[in-house]
Amino acid sequence: AGRNRLVINSDNMEVIDTMKNGGQSAGAVAAVFDDCYFMACDFPLTSFEFCNKEMNKVAHELARLAKYSMTRDWIEEPMENIVPLLTDDVTIIYN
């Protein structure tokens, strides 16, 4: 899509710290961290940022929907399930 900057948000500080340290982990999910880190390195500018759960509701809902439904493209109109969450995000920023 011609994008060159990737910002990865998580509400799990352990994940953010691991990714900021090159994705190195001795835990059971070490291979997952390693794969994610090296995929992120494909972008010229990548950052990993902590985002509290209240500010990450849209991502949680999209992940939940992806787990239980077929993949859908979101090109022009957002899915009905996330419209209220997007509205809340805008309201928080506006206020």
N, C-alpha and C. Protein backbone atom coordinates (compact mmCIF):
# COMPACT_ATOMS: atom_id res chain seq x y z
N ALA A 1 0.82 -1.20 0.00
CA ALA A 1 0.00 0.00 0.00
C ALA A 1 0.86 1.25 0.00
N GLY A 2 2.17 1.10 -0.11
CA GLY A 2 3.04 2.26 -0.14
C GLY A 2 3.34 2.85 1.21
N ARG A 3 3.06 2.13 2.26
CA ARG A 3 3.33 2.63 3.62
C ARG A 3 4.73 2.23 4.04
N ASN A 4 5.38 3.09 4.81
CA ASN A 4 6.73 2.75 5.24
C ASN A 4 6.94 2.86 6.74
N ARG A 5 5.90 3.23 7.49
CA ARG A 5 6.03 3.36 8.94
C ARG A 5 5.02 2.45 9.62
N LEU A 6 5.50 1.68 10.56
CA LEU A 6 4.65 0.74 11.28
C LEU A 6 4.76 1.04 12.77
N VAL A 7 3.61 1.29 13.40
CA VAL A 7 3.56 1.48 14.85
C VAL A 7 2.76 0.31 15.41
N ILE A 8 3.40 -0.46 16.27
CA ILE A 8 2.76 -1.63 16.85
C ILE A 8 2.43 -1.31 18.31
N ASN A 9 1.15 -1.40 18.65
CA ASN A 9 0.67 -1.12 20.00
C ASN A 9 0.28 -2.42 20.68
N SER A 10 0.53 -2.50 21.97
CA SER A 10 0.09 -3.63 22.77
C SER A 10 -0.19 -3.14 24.19
N ASP A 11 -1.16 -3.78 24.84
CA ASP A 11 -1.44 -3.44 26.23
C ASP A 11 -0.69 -4.39 27.17
N ASN A 12 0.29 -5.11 26.62
CA ASN A 12 1.11 -6.03 27.41
C ASN A 12 2.55 -5.51 27.40
N MET A 13 2.98 -4.97 28.53
CA MET A 13 4.31 -4.35 28.61
C MET A 13 5.42 -5.37 28.36
N GLU A 14 5.22 -6.61 28.75
CA GLU A 14 6.24 -7.65 28.50
C GLU A 14 6.46 -7.83 26.99
N VAL A 15 5.38 -7.82 26.23
CA VAL A 15 5.49 -7.94 24.76
C VAL A 15 6.25 -6.74 24.20
N ILE A 16 5.90 -5.55 24.62
CA ILE A 16 6.56 -4.33 24.13
C ILE A 16 8.05 -4.36 24.47
N ASP A 17 8.39 -4.69 25.71
CA ASP A 17 9.80 -4.75 26.11
C ASP A 17 10.57 -5.79 25.29
N THR A 18 9.96 -6.95 25.08
CA THR A 18 10.62 -8.00 24.31
C THR A 18 10.86 -7.55 22.88
N MET A 19 9.88 -6.93 22.28
CA MET A 19 10.02 -6.48 20.88
C MET A 19 11.04 -5.35 20.77
N LYS A 20 11.07 -4.46 21.75
CA LYS A 20 12.06 -3.38 21.74
C LYS A 20 13.47 -3.92 21.90
N ASN A 21 13.59 -5.12 22.48
CA ASN A 21 14.89 -5.75 22.67
C ASN A 21 15.20 -6.78 21.58
N GLY A 22 14.65 -6.58 20.41
CA GLY A 22 14.97 -7.44 19.27
C GLY A 22 14.17 -8.71 19.18
N GLY A 23 13.09 -8.83 19.94
CA GLY A 23 12.23 -10.00 19.90
C GLY A 23 12.84 -11.22 20.56
N GLN A 24 13.89 -11.02 21.33
CA GLN A 24 14.57 -12.14 21.99
C GLN A 24 13.82 -12.55 23.25
N SER A 25 13.44 -13.83 23.30
CA SER A 25 12.72 -14.35 24.45
C SER A 25 13.13 -15.80 24.67
N ALA A 26 13.17 -16.20 25.91
CA ALA A 26 13.49 -17.59 26.24
C ALA A 26 12.22 -18.37 26.55
N GLY A 27 11.09 -17.71 26.45
CA GLY A 27 9.83 -18.34 26.81
C GLY A 27 9.30 -19.28 25.74
N ALA A 28 8.12 -19.82 26.00
CA ALA A 28 7.49 -20.79 25.11
C ALA A 28 7.10 -20.18 23.76
N VAL A 29 6.94 -18.86 23.72
CA VAL A 29 6.54 -18.20 22.47
C VAL A 29 7.70 -17.50 21.78
N ALA A 30 8.91 -17.93 22.06
CA ALA A 30 10.10 -17.29 21.49
C ALA A 30 10.05 -17.23 19.97
N ALA A 31 9.58 -18.29 19.32
CA ALA A 31 9.52 -18.32 17.85
C ALA A 31 8.53 -17.28 17.33
N VAL A 32 7.43 -17.06 18.06
CA VAL A 32 6.44 -16.07 17.64
C VAL A 32 7.03 -14.66 17.73
N PHE A 33 7.69 -14.35 18.85
CA PHE A 33 8.35 -13.05 18.99
C PHE A 33 9.37 -12.84 17.87
N ASP A 34 10.16 -13.86 17.61
CA ASP A 34 11.21 -13.78 16.59
C ASP A 34 10.60 -13.49 15.22
N ASP A 35 9.55 -14.22 14.84
CA ASP A 35 8.89 -14.00 13.55
C ASP A 35 8.29 -12.60 13.47
N CYS A 36 7.61 -12.17 14.52
CA CYS A 36 6.99 -10.84 14.52
C CYS A 36 8.04 -9.75 14.40
N TYR A 37 9.13 -9.91 15.12
CA TYR A 37 10.18 -8.90 15.08
C TYR A 37 10.77 -8.78 13.67
N PHE A 38 11.07 -9.91 13.04
CA PHE A 38 11.68 -9.85 11.73
C PHE A 38 10.71 -9.41 10.64
N MET A 39 9.41 -9.68 10.80
CA MET A 39 8.43 -9.12 9.86
C MET A 39 8.35 -7.61 10.02
N ALA A 40 8.41 -7.13 11.25
CA ALA A 40 8.37 -5.69 11.50
C ALA A 40 9.59 -5.00 10.90
N CYS A 41 10.72 -5.71 10.87
CA CYS A 41 11.95 -5.14 10.31
C CYS A 41 11.87 -4.91 8.80
N ASP A 42 10.85 -5.48 8.15
CA ASP A 42 10.66 -5.24 6.71
C ASP A 42 10.22 -3.81 6.42
N PHE A 43 9.76 -3.10 7.44
CA PHE A 43 9.35 -1.71 7.29
C PHE A 43 10.52 -0.80 7.64
N PRO A 44 10.72 0.28 6.87
CA PRO A 44 11.84 1.18 7.16
C PRO A 44 11.77 1.81 8.56
N LEU A 45 10.58 2.14 9.02
CA LEU A 45 10.40 2.76 10.35
C LEU A 45 9.40 1.94 11.15
N THR A 46 9.86 1.34 12.23
CA THR A 46 8.99 0.53 13.07
C THR A 46 9.18 0.95 14.52
N SER A 47 8.06 1.08 15.24
CA SER A 47 8.17 1.35 16.67
C SER A 47 7.16 0.49 17.42
N PHE A 48 7.51 0.15 18.64
CA PHE A 48 6.67 -0.66 19.51
C PHE A 48 6.28 0.23 20.69
N GLU A 49 4.98 0.37 20.92
CA GLU A 49 4.51 1.29 21.96
C GLU A 49 3.48 0.62 22.86
N PHE A 50 3.59 0.91 24.15
CA PHE A 50 2.60 0.45 25.10
C PHE A 50 1.33 1.28 24.93
N CYS A 51 0.20 0.61 24.97
CA CYS A 51 -1.09 1.29 24.83
C CYS A 51 -2.04 0.63 25.83
N ASN A 52 -2.55 1.42 26.78
CA ASN A 52 -3.42 0.78 27.78
C ASN A 52 -4.67 0.20 27.13
N LYS A 53 -5.28 -0.72 27.82
CA LYS A 53 -6.41 -1.47 27.26
C LYS A 53 -7.56 -0.57 26.82
N GLU A 54 -7.80 0.50 27.54
CA GLU A 54 -8.89 1.41 27.18
C GLU A 54 -8.69 2.05 25.81
N MET A 55 -7.44 2.24 25.42
CA MET A 55 -7.14 2.88 24.14
C MET A 55 -6.96 1.85 23.03
N ASN A 56 -7.16 0.58 23.34
CA ASN A 56 -6.87 -0.49 22.39
C ASN A 56 -8.11 -1.33 22.08
N LYS A 57 -9.29 -0.79 22.33
CA LYS A 57 -10.52 -1.55 22.18
C LYS A 57 -10.79 -1.97 20.75
N VAL A 58 -10.48 -1.12 19.78
CA VAL A 58 -10.72 -1.46 18.38
C VAL A 58 -9.88 -2.67 17.98
N ALA A 59 -8.62 -2.67 18.36
CA ALA A 59 -7.75 -3.80 18.03
C ALA A 59 -8.25 -5.09 18.67
N HIS A 60 -8.70 -5.02 19.90
CA HIS A 60 -9.23 -6.21 20.57
C HIS A 60 -10.46 -6.75 19.85
N GLU A 61 -11.35 -5.85 19.44
CA GLU A 61 -12.56 -6.28 18.75
C GLU A 61 -12.22 -6.87 17.38
N LEU A 62 -11.29 -6.26 16.66
CA LEU A 62 -10.90 -6.81 15.35
C LEU A 62 -10.28 -8.19 15.51
N ALA A 63 -9.47 -8.38 16.54
CA ALA A 63 -8.88 -9.70 16.79
C ALA A 63 -9.96 -10.72 17.14
N ARG A 64 -10.92 -10.31 17.95
CA ARG A 64 -12.02 -11.21 18.31
C ARG A 64 -12.82 -11.59 17.08
N LEU A 65 -13.13 -10.62 16.23
CA LEU A 65 -13.89 -10.90 15.01
C LEU A 65 -13.11 -11.81 14.07
N ALA A 66 -11.83 -11.59 13.97
CA ALA A 66 -11.00 -12.42 13.08
C ALA A 66 -10.95 -13.87 13.55
N LYS A 67 -11.02 -14.05 14.85
CA LYS A 67 -10.95 -15.41 15.41
C LYS A 67 -12.20 -16.22 15.06
N TYR A 68 -13.35 -15.57 14.96
CA TYR A 68 -14.60 -16.28 14.78
C TYR A 68 -15.29 -16.05 13.44
N SER A 69 -14.66 -15.35 12.52
CA SER A 69 -15.32 -15.10 11.24
C SER A 69 -14.31 -15.11 10.10
N MET A 70 -14.83 -15.10 8.92
CA MET A 70 -13.98 -15.07 7.73
C MET A 70 -13.32 -13.70 7.61
N THR A 71 -12.15 -13.68 6.97
CA THR A 71 -11.43 -12.42 6.76
C THR A 71 -12.24 -11.52 5.84
N ARG A 72 -12.28 -10.24 6.19
CA ARG A 72 -12.99 -9.26 5.37
C ARG A 72 -12.09 -8.08 5.12
N ASP A 73 -12.24 -7.52 3.94
CA ASP A 73 -11.48 -6.31 3.61
C ASP A 73 -12.21 -5.09 4.15
N TRP A 74 -11.43 -4.16 4.65
CA TRP A 74 -12.00 -2.91 5.15
C TRP A 74 -11.34 -1.81 4.32
N ILE A 75 -12.03 -1.38 3.28
CA ILE A 75 -11.46 -0.41 2.36
C ILE A 75 -12.07 0.97 2.55
N GLU A 76 -13.39 1.03 2.56
CA GLU A 76 -14.02 2.35 2.67
C GLU A 76 -14.86 2.52 3.92
N GLU A 77 -15.69 1.55 4.23
CA GLU A 77 -16.58 1.65 5.38
C GLU A 77 -16.15 0.64 6.45
N PRO A 78 -16.05 1.07 7.70
CA PRO A 78 -15.68 0.13 8.77
C PRO A 78 -16.82 -0.87 9.04
N MET A 79 -16.47 -2.01 9.58
CA MET A 79 -17.47 -3.02 9.93
C MET A 79 -18.38 -2.47 11.03
N GLU A 80 -19.63 -2.86 10.98
CA GLU A 80 -20.62 -2.36 11.94
C GLU A 80 -20.20 -2.60 13.39
N ASN A 81 -19.53 -3.72 13.65
CA ASN A 81 -19.16 -4.09 15.02
C ASN A 81 -18.19 -3.10 15.66
N ILE A 82 -17.40 -2.40 14.87
CA ILE A 82 -16.39 -1.53 15.46
C ILE A 82 -16.72 -0.05 15.38
N VAL A 83 -17.83 0.30 14.72
CA VAL A 83 -18.20 1.72 14.59
C VAL A 83 -18.34 2.39 15.96
N PRO A 84 -19.05 1.79 16.94
CA PRO A 84 -19.15 2.45 18.25
C PRO A 84 -17.78 2.64 18.93
N LEU A 85 -16.90 1.66 18.75
CA LEU A 85 -15.57 1.77 19.35
C LEU A 85 -14.75 2.87 18.67
N LEU A 86 -14.87 2.97 17.36
CA LEU A 86 -14.17 4.05 16.64
C LEU A 86 -14.70 5.41 17.07
N THR A 87 -16.01 5.48 17.26
CA THR A 87 -16.62 6.74 17.71
C THR A 87 -16.10 7.11 19.10
N ASP A 88 -15.98 6.13 19.99
CA ASP A 88 -15.44 6.38 21.33
C ASP A 88 -14.00 6.89 21.23
N ASP A 89 -13.20 6.28 20.33
CA ASP A 89 -11.80 6.72 20.16
C ASP A 89 -11.74 8.17 19.74
N VAL A 90 -12.58 8.56 18.80
CA VAL A 90 -12.59 9.94 18.33
C VAL A 90 -13.04 10.88 19.44
N THR A 91 -14.03 10.45 20.21
CA THR A 91 -14.54 11.27 21.30
C THR A 91 -13.45 11.49 22.35
N ILE A 92 -12.67 10.46 22.67
CA ILE A 92 -11.60 10.59 23.65
C ILE A 92 -10.56 11.59 23.16
N ILE A 93 -10.20 11.49 21.89
CA ILE A 93 -9.19 12.40 21.32
C ILE A 93 -9.74 13.82 21.28
N TYR A 94 -11.00 13.99 20.91
CA TYR A 94 -11.61 15.30 20.77
C TYR A 94 -11.72 16.00 22.11
N ASN A 95 -12.10 15.24 23.16
CA ASN A 95 -12.27 15.84 24.47
C ASN A 95 -10.92 16.14 25.04
